[in-house]
PDB file of N, CA and C in Angstrom:
ATOM      1  N   MET A   1     -11.023   2.577 -12.855  1.00  0.00           N
ATOM      2  CA  MET A   1      -9.909   2.243 -11.876  1.00  0.00           C
ATOM      3  C   MET A   1      -9.955   0.726 -11.602  1.00  0.00           C
ATOM      4  N   ALA A   2      -8.834   0.096 -11.493  1.00  0.00           N
ATOM      5  CA  ALA A   2      -8.706  -1.341 -11.220  1.00  0.00           C
ATOM      6  C   ALA A   2      -8.742  -1.569  -9.716  1.00  0.00           C
ATOM      7  N   ASP A   3      -9.935  -1.820  -9.235  1.00  0.00           N
ATOM      8  CA  ASP A   3     -10.064  -2.044  -7.813  1.00  0.00           C
ATOM      9  C   ASP A   3      -9.434  -3.320  -7.387  1.00  0.00           C
ATOM     10  N   THR A   4      -9.431  -4.418  -8.181  1.00  0.00           N
ATOM     11  CA  THR A   4      -8.804  -5.655  -7.763  1.00  0.00           C
ATOM     12  C   THR A   4      -7.337  -5.517  -7.623  1.00  0.00           C
ATOM     13  N   GLU A   5      -6.715  -4.782  -8.596  1.00  0.00           N
ATOM     14  CA  GLU A   5      -5.288  -4.592  -8.478  1.00  0.00           C
ATOM     15  C   GLU A   5      -4.966  -3.742  -7.279  1.00  0.00           C
ATOM     16  N   PHE A   6      -5.773  -2.801  -6.939  1.00  0.00           N
ATOM     17  CA  PHE A   6      -5.571  -1.955  -5.782  1.00  0.00           C
ATOM     18  C   PHE A   6      -5.668  -2.782  -4.508  1.00  0.00           C
ATOM     19  N   GLU A   7      -6.606  -3.655  -4.455  1.00  0.00           N
ATOM     20  CA  GLU A   7      -6.788  -4.500  -3.250  1.00  0.00           C
ATOM     21  C   GLU A   7      -5.645  -5.416  -3.078  1.00  0.00           C
ATOM     22  N   GLU A   8      -5.145  -5.982  -4.194  1.00  0.00           N
ATOM     23  CA  GLU A   8      -3.923  -6.866  -4.088  1.00  0.00           C
ATOM     24  C   GLU A   8      -2.750  -6.035  -3.596  1.00  0.00           C
ATOM     25  N   PHE A   9      -2.633  -4.799  -4.057  1.00  0.00           N
ATOM     26  CA  PHE A   9      -1.534  -3.935  -3.571  1.00  0.00           C
ATOM     27  C   PHE A   9      -1.695  -3.671  -2.097  1.00  0.00           C
ATOM     28  N   ARG A  10      -2.922  -3.364  -1.659  1.00  0.00           N
ATOM     29  CA  ARG A  10      -3.162  -3.061  -0.261  1.00  0.00           C
ATOM     30  C   ARG A  10      -2.797  -4.230   0.617  1.00  0.00           C
ATOM     31  N   GLN A  11      -3.110  -5.434   0.254  1.00  0.00           N
ATOM     32  CA  GLN A  11      -2.805  -6.595   1.030  1.00  0.00           C
ATOM     33  C   GLN A  11      -1.303  -6.741   1.197  1.00  0.00           C
ATOM     34  N   TYR A  12      -0.579  -6.536   0.075  1.00  0.00           N
ATOM     35  CA  TYR A  12       0.896  -6.498   0.155  1.00  0.00           C
ATOM     36  C   TYR A  12       1.366  -5.393   1.001  1.00  0.00           C
ATOM     37  N   PHE A  13       0.815  -4.187   0.779  1.00  0.00           N
ATOM     38  CA  PHE A  13       1.232  -2.989   1.440  1.00  0.00           C
ATOM     39  C   PHE A  13       1.111  -3.102   2.933  1.00  0.00           C
ATOM     40  N   GLU A  14       0.020  -3.745   3.422  1.00  0.00           N
ATOM     41  CA  GLU A  14      -0.209  -3.955   4.851  1.00  0.00           C
ATOM     42  C   GLU A  14       0.875  -4.752   5.519  1.00  0.00           C
ATOM     43  N   ARG A  15       1.559  -5.570   4.766  1.00  0.00           N
ATOM     44  CA  ARG A  15       2.619  -6.443   5.314  1.00  0.00           C
ATOM     45  C   ARG A  15       3.940  -5.690   5.489  1.00  0.00           C
ATOM     46  N   LEU A  16       4.039  -4.547   4.897  1.00  0.00           N
ATOM     47  CA  LEU A  16       5.289  -3.818   4.927  1.00  0.00           C
ATOM     48  C   LEU A  16       5.485  -3.213   6.343  1.00  0.00           C
ATOM     49  N   PRO A  17       6.720  -2.999   6.729  1.00  0.00           N
ATOM     50  CA  PRO A  17       7.085  -2.398   8.018  1.00  0.00           C
ATOM     51  C   PRO A  17       6.548  -0.955   8.068  1.00  0.00           C
ATOM     52  N   GLN A  18       6.297  -0.479   9.278  1.00  0.00           N
ATOM     53  CA  GLN A  18       5.777   0.887   9.492  1.00  0.00           C
ATOM     54  C   GLN A  18       6.662   1.928   8.854  1.00  0.00           C
ATOM     55  N   HIS A  19       7.943   1.800   8.946  1.00  0.00           N
ATOM     56  CA  HIS A  19       8.877   2.849   8.411  1.00  0.00           C
ATOM     57  C   HIS A  19       8.827   2.949   6.898  1.00  0.00           C
ATOM     58  N   LEU A  20       8.255   1.893   6.265  1.00  0.00           N
ATOM     59  CA  LEU A  20       8.062   1.949   4.799  1.00  0.00           C
ATOM     60  C   LEU A  20       6.672   2.486   4.473  1.00  0.00           C
ATOM     61  N   LYS A  21       5.717   2.233   5.300  1.00  0.00           N
ATOM     62  CA  LYS A  21       4.348   2.632   5.066  1.00  0.00           C
ATOM     63  C   LYS A  21       4.182   4.136   5.134  1.00  0.00           C
ATOM     64  N   ALA A  22       4.900   4.779   6.035  1.00  0.00           N
ATOM     65  CA  ALA A  22       4.740   6.249   6.287  1.00  0.00           C
ATOM     66  C   ALA A  22       5.049   7.045   5.038  1.00  0.00           C
ATOM     67  N   PRO A  23       6.254   6.959   4.409  1.00  0.00           N
ATOM     68  CA  PRO A  23       6.549   7.723   3.255  1.00  0.00           C
ATOM     69  C   PRO A  23       5.695   7.439   2.077  1.00  0.00           C
ATOM     70  N   ILE A  24       5.324   6.216   1.924  1.00  0.00           N
ATOM     71  CA  ILE A  24       4.488   5.830   0.781  1.00  0.00           C
ATOM     72  C   ILE A  24       3.077   6.401   0.918  1.00  0.00           C
ATOM     73  N   SER A  25       2.575   6.468   2.183  1.00  0.00           N
ATOM     74  CA  SER A  25       1.259   7.042   2.455  1.00  0.00           C
ATOM     75  C   SER A  25       1.269   8.556   2.118  1.00  0.00           C
ATOM     76  N   ASN A  26       2.441   9.184   2.375  1.00  0.00           N
ATOM     77  CA  ASN A  26       2.489  10.623   2.044  1.00  0.00           C
ATOM     78  C   ASN A  26       2.584  10.833   0.525  1.00  0.00           C
ATOM     79  N   TYR A  27       3.075   9.841  -0.182  1.00  0.00           N
ATOM     80  CA  TYR A  27       3.244   9.964  -1.639  1.00  0.00           C
ATOM     81  C   TYR A  27       1.912   9.842  -2.337  1.00  0.00           C
ATOM     82  N   THR A  28       1.107   8.884  -1.874  1.00  0.00           N
ATOM     83  CA  THR A  28      -0.192   8.652  -2.585  1.00  0.00           C
ATOM     84  C   THR A  28      -1.221   9.672  -2.286  1.00  0.00           C
TER      85      THR A  28
END
């Protein structure tokens, strides 16, 4: 698993609005 890519995604993901984070969290 590419942990570095995942961390970069998380940093970007944390900047997203809450209404976008909720459905994506349910998807993963």
